[in-house]
């Protein structure tokens, strides 16, 4: 039986690396903002991009050069869901919605999840996936 971790708070360093103008400290993301950023980073990281964890990430970039239709949207949805379930244990009840936009060759993605161990409202994160070269 798996043990469920319960944590009081979550903190991550902002990846913008822009220091605070007064204290010169790096900004810290807390609680739901930290987890939302971590989910985004997992989705946007390409496998083999991280040196010490080459499995981390999702393969959605490869699918962006396919046809923009519901079949490709289903593949992207599965890739995102598997990546989040494998690499982010602070979230639960993950729902991924991918809406193809053939006119603009993009996919509107919405990730909905609950944070484990805290009484935060259900989190929703939306972003646009598009093929760029």
N, C-alpha and C. Protein backbone atom coordinates (compact mmCIF):
# COMPACT_ATOMS: atom_id res chain seq x y z
N UNK A 1 0.84 -1.19 0.00
CA UNK A 1 0.00 0.00 0.00
C UNK A 1 0.88 1.24 0.00
N UNK A 2 0.59 2.17 -0.87
CA UNK A 2 1.38 3.38 -1.00
C UNK A 2 1.07 4.35 0.14
N UNK A 3 2.09 5.03 0.60
CA UNK A 3 1.94 6.02 1.64
C UNK A 3 1.73 7.37 0.99
N UNK A 4 0.69 8.07 1.41
CA UNK A 4 0.40 9.37 0.82
C UNK A 4 1.08 10.45 1.65
N UNK A 5 1.89 11.28 0.99
CA UNK A 5 2.59 12.36 1.68
C UNK A 5 1.65 13.52 1.92
N UNK A 6 1.72 14.06 3.12
CA UNK A 6 0.94 15.25 3.46
C UNK A 6 1.94 16.33 3.82
N UNK A 7 1.87 17.45 3.16
CA UNK A 7 2.80 18.54 3.39
C UNK A 7 2.03 19.79 3.78
N UNK A 8 2.69 20.65 4.53
CA UNK A 8 2.03 21.86 4.98
C UNK A 8 2.14 22.99 3.97
N UNK A 9 3.27 23.08 3.28
CA UNK A 9 3.42 24.12 2.27
C UNK A 9 4.44 23.68 1.24
N UNK A 10 4.40 24.33 0.08
CA UNK A 10 5.29 24.01 -1.01
C UNK A 10 6.01 25.28 -1.43
N UNK A 11 7.31 25.17 -1.68
CA UNK A 11 8.09 26.33 -2.13
C UNK A 11 9.01 25.90 -3.26
N UNK A 12 9.12 26.74 -4.26
CA UNK A 12 10.05 26.54 -5.37
C UNK A 12 10.67 27.89 -5.72
N UNK A 13 11.82 27.86 -6.31
CA UNK A 13 12.46 29.08 -6.79
C UNK A 13 11.90 29.42 -8.16
N UNK A 14 11.63 30.69 -8.39
CA UNK A 14 11.15 31.13 -9.70
C UNK A 14 12.26 30.96 -10.72
N UNK A 15 11.93 30.41 -11.86
CA UNK A 15 12.93 30.18 -12.89
C UNK A 15 13.23 31.42 -13.73
N UNK A 16 12.61 32.54 -13.40
CA UNK A 16 12.93 33.77 -14.11
C UNK A 16 14.31 34.29 -13.69
N UNK A 17 14.75 33.95 -12.48
CA UNK A 17 16.04 34.36 -11.93
C UNK A 17 16.22 35.88 -11.93
N UNK A 18 15.13 36.61 -11.88
CA UNK A 18 15.21 38.06 -11.76
C UNK A 18 15.18 38.39 -10.27
N UNK A 19 16.26 38.96 -9.73
CA UNK A 19 16.30 39.21 -8.29
C UNK A 19 15.33 40.31 -7.86
N UNK A 20 14.92 40.22 -6.61
CA UNK A 20 14.05 41.24 -6.02
C UNK A 20 14.81 42.56 -6.03
N UNK A 21 14.16 43.69 -6.40
CA UNK A 21 14.90 44.95 -6.55
C UNK A 21 15.50 45.47 -5.24
N UNK A 22 14.91 45.15 -4.11
CA UNK A 22 15.41 45.68 -2.84
C UNK A 22 16.33 44.68 -2.13
N UNK A 23 15.84 43.43 -1.96
CA UNK A 23 16.60 42.44 -1.18
C UNK A 23 17.63 41.69 -2.03
N UNK A 24 17.50 41.74 -3.35
CA UNK A 24 18.38 41.03 -4.28
C UNK A 24 18.28 39.51 -4.15
N UNK A 25 17.24 39.01 -3.47
CA UNK A 25 17.00 37.58 -3.38
C UNK A 25 16.22 37.10 -4.59
N UNK A 26 16.37 35.82 -4.90
CA UNK A 26 15.55 35.24 -5.97
C UNK A 26 14.12 35.10 -5.48
N UNK A 27 13.15 35.36 -6.36
CA UNK A 27 11.76 35.24 -5.94
C UNK A 27 11.40 33.78 -5.67
N UNK A 28 10.50 33.59 -4.71
CA UNK A 28 10.05 32.25 -4.33
C UNK A 28 8.58 32.12 -4.69
N UNK A 29 8.25 31.00 -5.31
CA UNK A 29 6.86 30.67 -5.58
C UNK A 29 6.37 29.78 -4.45
N UNK A 30 5.17 30.05 -3.97
CA UNK A 30 4.66 29.29 -2.83
C UNK A 30 3.37 28.59 -3.19
N UNK A 31 3.17 27.45 -2.56
CA UNK A 31 1.95 26.65 -2.59
C UNK A 31 1.43 26.41 -4.00
N UNK A 32 0.21 26.87 -4.30
CA UNK A 32 -0.40 26.52 -5.59
C UNK A 32 0.34 27.11 -6.78
N UNK A 33 0.97 28.27 -6.61
CA UNK A 33 1.77 28.84 -7.71
C UNK A 33 2.99 27.99 -8.02
N UNK A 34 3.62 27.44 -6.99
CA UNK A 34 4.78 26.58 -7.18
C UNK A 34 4.39 25.29 -7.90
N UNK A 35 3.28 24.72 -7.52
CA UNK A 35 2.85 23.46 -8.14
C UNK A 35 2.37 23.71 -9.56
N UNK A 36 1.66 24.80 -9.80
CA UNK A 36 1.22 25.13 -11.15
C UNK A 36 2.42 25.30 -12.08
N UNK A 37 3.46 25.96 -11.60
CA UNK A 37 4.68 26.14 -12.40
C UNK A 37 5.37 24.81 -12.64
N UNK A 38 5.38 23.93 -11.64
CA UNK A 38 6.00 22.61 -11.80
C UNK A 38 5.27 21.78 -12.85
N UNK A 39 3.94 21.85 -12.84
CA UNK A 39 3.15 21.13 -13.85
C UNK A 39 3.46 21.68 -15.24
N UNK A 40 3.54 22.98 -15.37
CA UNK A 40 3.87 23.58 -16.66
C UNK A 40 5.26 23.16 -17.13
N UNK A 41 6.22 23.13 -16.22
CA UNK A 41 7.58 22.73 -16.59
C UNK A 41 7.65 21.29 -17.04
N UNK A 42 6.88 20.42 -16.41
CA UNK A 42 6.87 19.02 -16.82
C UNK A 42 6.32 18.88 -18.23
N UNK A 43 5.24 19.60 -18.52
CA UNK A 43 4.62 19.51 -19.85
C UNK A 43 5.56 20.08 -20.92
N UNK A 44 6.26 21.15 -20.61
CA UNK A 44 7.08 21.81 -21.62
C UNK A 44 8.51 21.29 -21.70
N UNK A 45 8.90 20.39 -20.80
CA UNK A 45 10.24 19.81 -20.85
C UNK A 45 10.25 18.64 -21.83
N UNK A 46 11.23 18.60 -22.68
CA UNK A 46 11.40 17.51 -23.64
C UNK A 46 12.20 16.42 -22.96
N UNK A 47 11.78 15.15 -23.07
CA UNK A 47 12.61 14.08 -22.48
C UNK A 47 14.03 14.13 -23.03
N UNK A 48 14.97 13.81 -22.19
CA UNK A 48 16.42 13.88 -22.42
C UNK A 48 16.96 15.31 -22.32
N UNK A 49 16.13 16.28 -22.01
CA UNK A 49 16.58 17.66 -21.88
C UNK A 49 17.30 17.90 -20.55
N UNK A 50 16.92 17.16 -19.52
CA UNK A 50 17.55 17.30 -18.21
C UNK A 50 18.65 16.25 -18.06
N UNK A 51 19.82 16.67 -17.67
CA UNK A 51 20.97 15.78 -17.63
C UNK A 51 20.81 14.66 -16.61
N UNK A 52 20.39 14.95 -15.41
CA UNK A 52 20.37 13.96 -14.36
C UNK A 52 19.05 13.20 -14.27
N UNK A 53 18.06 13.58 -15.06
CA UNK A 53 16.79 12.86 -15.11
C UNK A 53 16.29 12.92 -16.55
N UNK A 54 16.82 12.06 -17.38
CA UNK A 54 16.54 12.13 -18.81
C UNK A 54 15.13 11.67 -19.16
N UNK A 55 14.42 11.04 -18.23
CA UNK A 55 13.05 10.60 -18.50
C UNK A 55 12.02 11.69 -18.23
N UNK A 56 12.38 12.71 -17.46
CA UNK A 56 11.44 13.76 -17.07
C UNK A 56 10.95 14.53 -18.29
N UNK A 57 9.66 14.77 -18.35
CA UNK A 57 9.08 15.58 -19.40
C UNK A 57 8.01 14.85 -20.17
N UNK A 58 7.49 15.52 -21.18
CA UNK A 58 6.46 14.93 -22.04
C UNK A 58 6.88 15.10 -23.49
N UNK A 59 6.33 14.28 -24.34
CA UNK A 59 6.72 14.25 -25.74
C UNK A 59 5.74 15.04 -26.63
N UNK A 60 5.10 16.07 -26.07
CA UNK A 60 4.08 16.79 -26.84
C UNK A 60 4.67 17.57 -28.01
N UNK A 61 5.90 18.01 -27.92
CA UNK A 61 6.50 18.79 -29.01
C UNK A 61 6.54 18.01 -30.31
N UNK A 62 6.79 16.72 -30.21
CA UNK A 62 6.84 15.87 -31.41
C UNK A 62 5.46 15.79 -32.07
N UNK A 63 4.39 15.81 -31.28
CA UNK A 63 3.04 15.70 -31.83
C UNK A 63 2.54 17.00 -32.45
N UNK A 64 3.21 18.10 -32.18
CA UNK A 64 2.75 19.39 -32.70
C UNK A 64 2.92 19.52 -34.21
N UNK A 65 3.74 18.66 -34.81
CA UNK A 65 3.97 18.74 -36.24
C UNK A 65 3.08 17.78 -37.02
N UNK A 66 2.13 17.16 -36.32
CA UNK A 66 1.14 16.30 -36.96
C UNK A 66 -0.04 17.16 -37.40
N UNK A 67 -1.09 16.51 -37.91
CA UNK A 67 -2.31 17.23 -38.27
C UNK A 67 -2.97 17.78 -37.01
N UNK A 68 -3.55 18.96 -37.11
CA UNK A 68 -4.26 19.55 -35.98
C UNK A 68 -5.69 19.05 -36.05
N UNK A 69 -5.92 17.91 -35.40
CA UNK A 69 -7.26 17.31 -35.38
C UNK A 69 -7.47 16.64 -34.02
N UNK A 70 -8.62 16.01 -33.87
CA UNK A 70 -8.96 15.41 -32.58
C UNK A 70 -8.12 14.18 -32.28
N UNK A 71 -7.63 13.48 -33.30
CA UNK A 71 -6.74 12.34 -33.08
C UNK A 71 -5.43 12.76 -32.45
N UNK A 72 -4.82 13.80 -32.99
CA UNK A 72 -3.58 14.33 -32.43
C UNK A 72 -3.84 14.93 -31.06
N UNK A 73 -5.00 15.57 -30.88
CA UNK A 73 -5.36 16.13 -29.57
C UNK A 73 -5.45 15.03 -28.52
N UNK A 74 -5.97 13.87 -28.90
CA UNK A 74 -6.06 12.75 -27.97
C UNK A 74 -4.68 12.24 -27.59
N UNK A 75 -3.76 12.18 -28.55
CA UNK A 75 -2.39 11.75 -28.27
C UNK A 75 -1.71 12.72 -27.32
N UNK A 76 -1.86 14.02 -27.56
CA UNK A 76 -1.27 15.05 -26.69
C UNK A 76 -1.87 14.96 -25.29
N UNK A 77 -3.16 14.75 -25.22
CA UNK A 77 -3.83 14.63 -23.93
C UNK A 77 -3.25 13.46 -23.13
N UNK A 78 -3.06 12.32 -23.77
CA UNK A 78 -2.49 11.15 -23.09
C UNK A 78 -1.05 11.40 -22.66
N UNK A 79 -0.26 12.06 -23.50
CA UNK A 79 1.13 12.34 -23.16
C UNK A 79 1.24 13.25 -21.94
N UNK A 80 0.41 14.28 -21.89
CA UNK A 80 0.43 15.21 -20.77
C UNK A 80 -0.02 14.50 -19.49
N UNK A 81 -1.08 13.74 -19.58
CA UNK A 81 -1.61 13.03 -18.41
C UNK A 81 -0.58 12.06 -17.85
N UNK A 82 0.07 11.29 -18.70
CA UNK A 82 1.07 10.32 -18.25
C UNK A 82 2.26 11.04 -17.62
N UNK A 83 2.72 12.13 -18.22
CA UNK A 83 3.87 12.87 -17.68
C UNK A 83 3.56 13.44 -16.31
N UNK A 84 2.38 14.01 -16.13
CA UNK A 84 2.03 14.59 -14.83
C UNK A 84 1.88 13.50 -13.78
N UNK A 85 1.23 12.40 -14.14
CA UNK A 85 1.06 11.31 -13.17
C UNK A 85 2.39 10.67 -12.79
N UNK A 86 3.35 10.63 -13.70
CA UNK A 86 4.64 10.01 -13.41
C UNK A 86 5.59 10.91 -12.63
N UNK A 87 5.54 12.21 -12.86
CA UNK A 87 6.58 13.08 -12.32
C UNK A 87 6.12 14.12 -11.32
N UNK A 88 4.84 14.29 -11.09
CA UNK A 88 4.38 15.28 -10.11
C UNK A 88 3.46 14.60 -9.11
N UNK A 89 4.03 14.20 -7.98
CA UNK A 89 3.25 13.47 -6.98
C UNK A 89 2.49 14.39 -6.04
N UNK A 90 2.63 15.69 -6.19
CA UNK A 90 1.89 16.62 -5.34
C UNK A 90 0.50 16.93 -5.87
N UNK A 91 0.13 16.36 -7.02
CA UNK A 91 -1.20 16.60 -7.59
C UNK A 91 -1.96 15.28 -7.71
N UNK A 92 -3.28 15.40 -7.75
CA UNK A 92 -4.15 14.23 -7.85
C UNK A 92 -5.38 14.62 -8.66
N UNK A 93 -6.13 13.63 -9.12
CA UNK A 93 -7.37 13.86 -9.89
C UNK A 93 -7.11 14.77 -11.09
N UNK A 94 -6.15 14.42 -11.90
CA UNK A 94 -5.73 15.25 -13.04
C UNK A 94 -6.68 15.03 -14.22
N UNK A 95 -7.14 16.14 -14.78
CA UNK A 95 -7.97 16.13 -15.98
C UNK A 95 -7.27 17.01 -17.01
N UNK A 96 -7.08 16.48 -18.21
CA UNK A 96 -6.43 17.24 -19.28
C UNK A 96 -7.42 17.38 -20.43
N UNK A 97 -7.66 18.60 -20.86
CA UNK A 97 -8.54 18.88 -21.99
C UNK A 97 -7.72 19.53 -23.09
N UNK A 98 -7.76 18.96 -24.28
CA UNK A 98 -7.02 19.50 -25.42
C UNK A 98 -8.02 19.80 -26.53
N UNK A 99 -8.05 21.06 -26.95
CA UNK A 99 -8.99 21.51 -27.98
C UNK A 99 -8.20 21.93 -29.22
N UNK A 100 -8.30 21.19 -30.33
CA UNK A 100 -7.54 21.56 -31.53
C UNK A 100 -8.15 22.78 -32.21
N UNK A 101 -7.29 23.66 -32.71
CA UNK A 101 -7.70 24.85 -33.46
C UNK A 101 -7.05 24.78 -34.84
N UNK A 102 -7.68 24.08 -35.81
CA UNK A 102 -7.04 23.88 -37.11
C UNK A 102 -6.77 25.17 -37.88
N UNK A 103 -7.57 26.21 -37.67
CA UNK A 103 -7.37 27.45 -38.41
C UNK A 103 -6.05 28.13 -38.06
N UNK A 104 -5.61 27.99 -36.81
CA UNK A 104 -4.38 28.64 -36.38
C UNK A 104 -3.24 27.64 -36.11
N UNK A 105 -3.47 26.35 -36.39
CA UNK A 105 -2.50 25.28 -36.15
C UNK A 105 -2.01 25.26 -34.70
N UNK A 106 -2.94 25.37 -33.76
CA UNK A 106 -2.61 25.36 -32.34
C UNK A 106 -3.55 24.42 -31.59
N UNK A 107 -3.17 24.13 -30.37
CA UNK A 107 -4.00 23.36 -29.45
C UNK A 107 -4.17 24.16 -28.16
N UNK A 108 -5.41 24.37 -27.73
CA UNK A 108 -5.67 24.96 -26.43
C UNK A 108 -5.70 23.84 -25.41
N UNK A 109 -4.85 23.92 -24.40
CA UNK A 109 -4.73 22.87 -23.40
C UNK A 109 -5.13 23.43 -22.04
N UNK A 110 -5.95 22.68 -21.32
CA UNK A 110 -6.33 23.03 -19.96
C UNK A 110 -6.04 21.82 -19.08
N UNK A 111 -5.28 22.06 -18.02
CA UNK A 111 -4.96 21.01 -17.05
C UNK A 111 -5.65 21.38 -15.74
N UNK A 112 -6.46 20.47 -15.23
CA UNK A 112 -7.20 20.68 -13.99
C UNK A 112 -6.72 19.63 -13.00
N UNK A 113 -6.43 20.06 -11.75
CA UNK A 113 -5.92 19.11 -10.76
C UNK A 113 -6.20 19.59 -9.35
N UNK A 114 -6.10 18.64 -8.41
CA UNK A 114 -6.18 18.92 -6.98
C UNK A 114 -4.79 18.80 -6.39
N UNK A 115 -4.49 19.61 -5.38
CA UNK A 115 -3.21 19.55 -4.70
C UNK A 115 -3.34 18.61 -3.50
N UNK A 116 -2.40 17.68 -3.39
CA UNK A 116 -2.43 16.68 -2.32
C UNK A 116 -1.91 17.31 -1.04
N UNK A 117 -2.61 17.08 0.06
CA UNK A 117 -2.12 17.49 1.37
C UNK A 117 -2.55 18.87 1.82
N UNK A 118 -3.24 19.61 1.00
CA UNK A 118 -3.69 20.94 1.37
C UNK A 118 -5.13 21.13 0.94
N UNK A 119 -5.79 22.05 1.57
CA UNK A 119 -7.18 22.36 1.23
C UNK A 119 -7.24 23.56 0.29
N UNK A 120 -6.60 23.44 -0.86
CA UNK A 120 -6.65 24.48 -1.88
C UNK A 120 -7.82 24.20 -2.79
N UNK A 121 -8.39 25.23 -3.40
CA UNK A 121 -9.44 24.96 -4.40
C UNK A 121 -8.83 24.24 -5.60
N UNK A 122 -9.68 23.63 -6.39
CA UNK A 122 -9.25 22.89 -7.58
C UNK A 122 -8.50 23.86 -8.50
N UNK A 123 -7.32 23.47 -8.95
CA UNK A 123 -6.46 24.32 -9.76
C UNK A 123 -6.71 24.09 -11.24
N UNK A 124 -6.63 25.16 -12.01
CA UNK A 124 -6.80 25.06 -13.46
C UNK A 124 -5.70 25.89 -14.12
N UNK A 125 -5.04 25.27 -15.08
CA UNK A 125 -3.95 25.92 -15.78
C UNK A 125 -4.18 25.75 -17.27
N UNK A 126 -4.23 26.84 -18.02
CA UNK A 126 -4.46 26.80 -19.47
C UNK A 126 -3.27 27.39 -20.20
N UNK A 127 -2.97 26.80 -21.35
CA UNK A 127 -1.90 27.33 -22.18
C UNK A 127 -2.14 26.91 -23.62
N UNK A 128 -1.38 27.48 -24.52
CA UNK A 128 -1.52 27.25 -25.95
C UNK A 128 -0.28 26.52 -26.45
N UNK A 129 -0.50 25.43 -27.17
CA UNK A 129 0.60 24.69 -27.80
C UNK A 129 0.58 24.98 -29.29
N UNK A 130 1.74 25.39 -29.82
CA UNK A 130 1.85 25.64 -31.23
C UNK A 130 3.22 25.21 -31.73
N UNK A 131 3.28 24.77 -32.94
CA UNK A 131 4.54 24.35 -33.54
C UNK A 131 5.32 25.58 -33.97
N UNK A 132 6.53 25.70 -33.46
CA UNK A 132 7.39 26.82 -33.85
C UNK A 132 8.73 26.27 -34.31
N UNK A 133 9.34 26.94 -35.20
CA UNK A 133 10.66 26.52 -35.70
C UNK A 133 11.60 27.68 -35.67
